[in-house]
Amino acid sequence: MDLTKIYSLNFIERLLLSAIFINAMPGKITNFATQAEYITNKGFPEPFPMIMMIGAIALLLAGTILLIFIERIKVACSLL
């Protein structure tokens, strides 16, 4: 049994799954003020939307990197 094929398919699957989250990041970064204003309009006080947006971008970035490169996928999925 050739395990390199299985491991390479596993990597490709994780890479394609992470593409969903990679696609979500530029919108949050480029429209940062609009996204923060939307959260503010939902009733959160002023400093919290900025903190929440920075946290969301950091978790998306960390979760995506871990999803691609780490063997324990549950850690990455819990961040996403």
C-alpha atoms as a PDB file:
ATOM      1  CA  MET A   1       0.000   0.000   0.000  1.00  0.00           C
ATOM      2  CA  ASP A   2       1.424   3.333  -1.069  1.00  0.00           C
ATOM      3  CA  LEU A   3       0.809   5.768   1.779  1.00  0.00           C
ATOM      4  CA  THR A   4       2.298   8.759  -0.023  1.00  0.00           C
ATOM      5  CA  LYS A   5      -0.771   8.915  -2.280  1.00  0.00           C
ATOM      6  CA  ILE A   6      -3.074   8.948   0.729  1.00  0.00           C
ATOM      7  CA  TYR A   7      -1.066  11.651   2.498  1.00  0.00           C
ATOM      8  CA  SER A   8      -0.853  13.799  -0.614  1.00  0.00           C
ATOM      9  CA  LEU A   9      -4.613  13.519  -1.161  1.00  0.00           C
ATOM     10  CA  ASN A  10      -5.162  14.438   2.476  1.00  0.00           C
ATOM     11  CA  PHE A  11      -3.006  17.546   2.015  1.00  0.00           C
ATOM     12  CA  ILE A  12      -4.868  18.538  -1.164  1.00  0.00           C
ATOM     13  CA  GLU A  13      -8.209  18.095   0.597  1.00  0.00           C
ATOM     14  CA  ARG A  14      -7.110  20.293   3.483  1.00  0.00           C
ATOM     15  CA  LEU A  15      -5.748  22.873   1.052  1.00  0.00           C
ATOM     16  CA  LEU A  16      -9.058  23.033  -0.811  1.00  0.00           C
ATOM     17  CA  LEU A  17     -11.019  23.252   2.440  1.00  0.00           C
ATOM     18  CA  SER A  18      -8.834  26.100   3.653  1.00  0.00           C
ATOM     19  CA  ALA A  19      -9.505  27.987   0.400  1.00  0.00           C
ATOM     20  CA  ILE A  20     -12.960  28.821   1.780  1.00  0.00           C
ATOM     21  CA  PHE A  21     -11.454  30.575   4.780  1.00  0.00           C
ATOM     22  CA  ILE A  22      -8.665  32.190   2.766  1.00  0.00           C
ATOM     23  CA  ASN A  23     -11.345  33.658   0.514  1.00  0.00           C
ATOM     24  CA  ALA A  24     -13.097  35.207   3.548  1.00  0.00           C
ATOM     25  CA  MET A  25     -10.040  37.075   4.842  1.00  0.00           C
ATOM     26  CA  PRO A  26      -9.532  39.803   2.192  1.00  0.00           C
ATOM     27  CA  GLY A  27     -13.099  41.055   2.606  1.00  0.00           C
ATOM     28  CA  LYS A  28     -12.621  41.445   6.337  1.00  0.00           C
ATOM     29  CA  ILE A  29      -9.291  43.228   5.892  1.00  0.00           C
ATOM     30  CA  THR A  30     -10.240  45.592   3.048  1.00  0.00           C
ATOM     31  CA  ASN A  31     -13.669  46.483   4.448  1.00  0.00           C
ATOM     32  CA  PHE A  32     -12.541  46.636   8.061  1.00  0.00           C
ATOM     33  CA  ALA A  33     -14.360  49.878   8.897  1.00  0.00           C
ATOM     34  CA  THR A  34     -17.584  48.751   7.219  1.00  0.00           C
ATOM     35  CA  GLN A  35     -17.555  45.432   9.050  1.00  0.00           C
ATOM     36  CA  ALA A  36     -16.844  47.147  12.382  1.00  0.00           C
ATOM     37  CA  GLU A  37     -19.647  49.643  11.759  1.00  0.00           C
ATOM     38  CA  TYR A  38     -22.038  46.775  11.027  1.00  0.00           C
ATOM     39  CA  ILE A  39     -21.135  45.163  14.355  1.00  0.00           C
ATOM     40  CA  THR A  40     -21.547  48.522  16.122  1.00  0.00           C
ATOM     41  CA  ASN A  41     -25.017  48.926  14.617  1.00  0.00           C
ATOM     42  CA  LYS A  42     -25.999  45.577  16.148  1.00  0.00           C
ATOM     43  CA  GLY A  43     -25.639  47.141  19.595  1.00  0.00           C
ATOM     44  CA  PHE A  44     -22.064  46.539  20.707  1.00  0.00           C
ATOM     45  CA  PRO A  45     -20.227  49.438  22.396  1.00  0.00           C
ATOM     46  CA  GLU A  46     -17.576  51.247  20.363  1.00  0.00           C
ATOM     47  CA  PRO A  47     -14.230  49.596  21.242  1.00  0.00           C
ATOM     48  CA  PHE A  48     -15.514  46.019  21.014  1.00  0.00           C
ATOM     49  CA  PRO A  49     -16.174  45.784  17.251  1.00  0.00           C
ATOM     50  CA  MET A  50     -12.552  46.649  16.447  1.00  0.00           C
ATOM     51  CA  ILE A  51     -11.305  44.059  18.930  1.00  0.00           C
ATOM     52  CA  MET A  52     -13.747  41.496  17.576  1.00  0.00           C
ATOM     53  CA  MET A  53     -12.675  42.127  13.969  1.00  0.00           C
ATOM     54  CA  ILE A  54      -8.976  41.835  14.821  1.00  0.00           C
ATOM     55  CA  GLY A  55      -9.722  38.626  16.703  1.00  0.00           C
ATOM     56  CA  ALA A  56     -11.750  37.235  13.798  1.00  0.00           C
ATOM     57  CA  ILE A  57      -8.969  37.955  11.301  1.00  0.00           C
ATOM     58  CA  ALA A  58      -6.328  36.469  13.623  1.00  0.00           C
ATOM     59  CA  LEU A  59      -8.378  33.321  14.217  1.00  0.00           C
ATOM     60  CA  LEU A  60      -9.065  32.906  10.503  1.00  0.00           C
ATOM     61  CA  LEU A  61      -5.386  33.271   9.683  1.00  0.00           C
ATOM     62  CA  ALA A  62      -4.169  30.967  12.461  1.00  0.00           C
ATOM     63  CA  GLY A  63      -6.856  28.370  11.811  1.00  0.00           C
ATOM     64  CA  THR A  64      -6.177  28.314   8.092  1.00  0.00           C
ATOM     65  CA  ILE A  65      -2.419  27.905   8.565  1.00  0.00           C
ATOM     66  CA  LEU A  66      -2.948  25.148  11.110  1.00  0.00           C
ATOM     67  CA  LEU A  67      -5.519  23.430   8.911  1.00  0.00           C
ATOM     68  CA  ILE A  68      -3.047  23.243   6.050  1.00  0.00           C
ATOM     69  CA  PHE A  69       0.134  22.319   7.909  1.00  0.00           C
ATOM     70  CA  ILE A  70      -0.707  20.531  11.181  1.00  0.00           C
ATOM     71  CA  GLU A  71      -1.573  16.868  11.512  1.00  0.00           C
ATOM     72  CA  ARG A  72      -4.133  17.327  14.299  1.00  0.00           C
ATOM     73  CA  ILE A  73      -6.999  18.854  12.394  1.00  0.00           C
ATOM     74  CA  LYS A  74      -9.262  19.233  15.462  1.00  0.00           C
ATOM     75  CA  VAL A  75      -7.050  22.038  16.781  1.00  0.00           C
ATOM     76  CA  ALA A  76      -7.376  23.962  13.520  1.00  0.00           C
ATOM     77  CA  CYS A  77     -11.106  23.336  13.236  1.00  0.00           C
ATOM     78  CA  SER A  78     -11.710  24.601  16.748  1.00  0.00           C
ATOM     79  CA  LEU A  79     -10.118  27.920  15.770  1.00  0.00           C
ATOM     80  CA  LEU A  80     -12.217  28.224  12.645  1.00  0.00           C
END
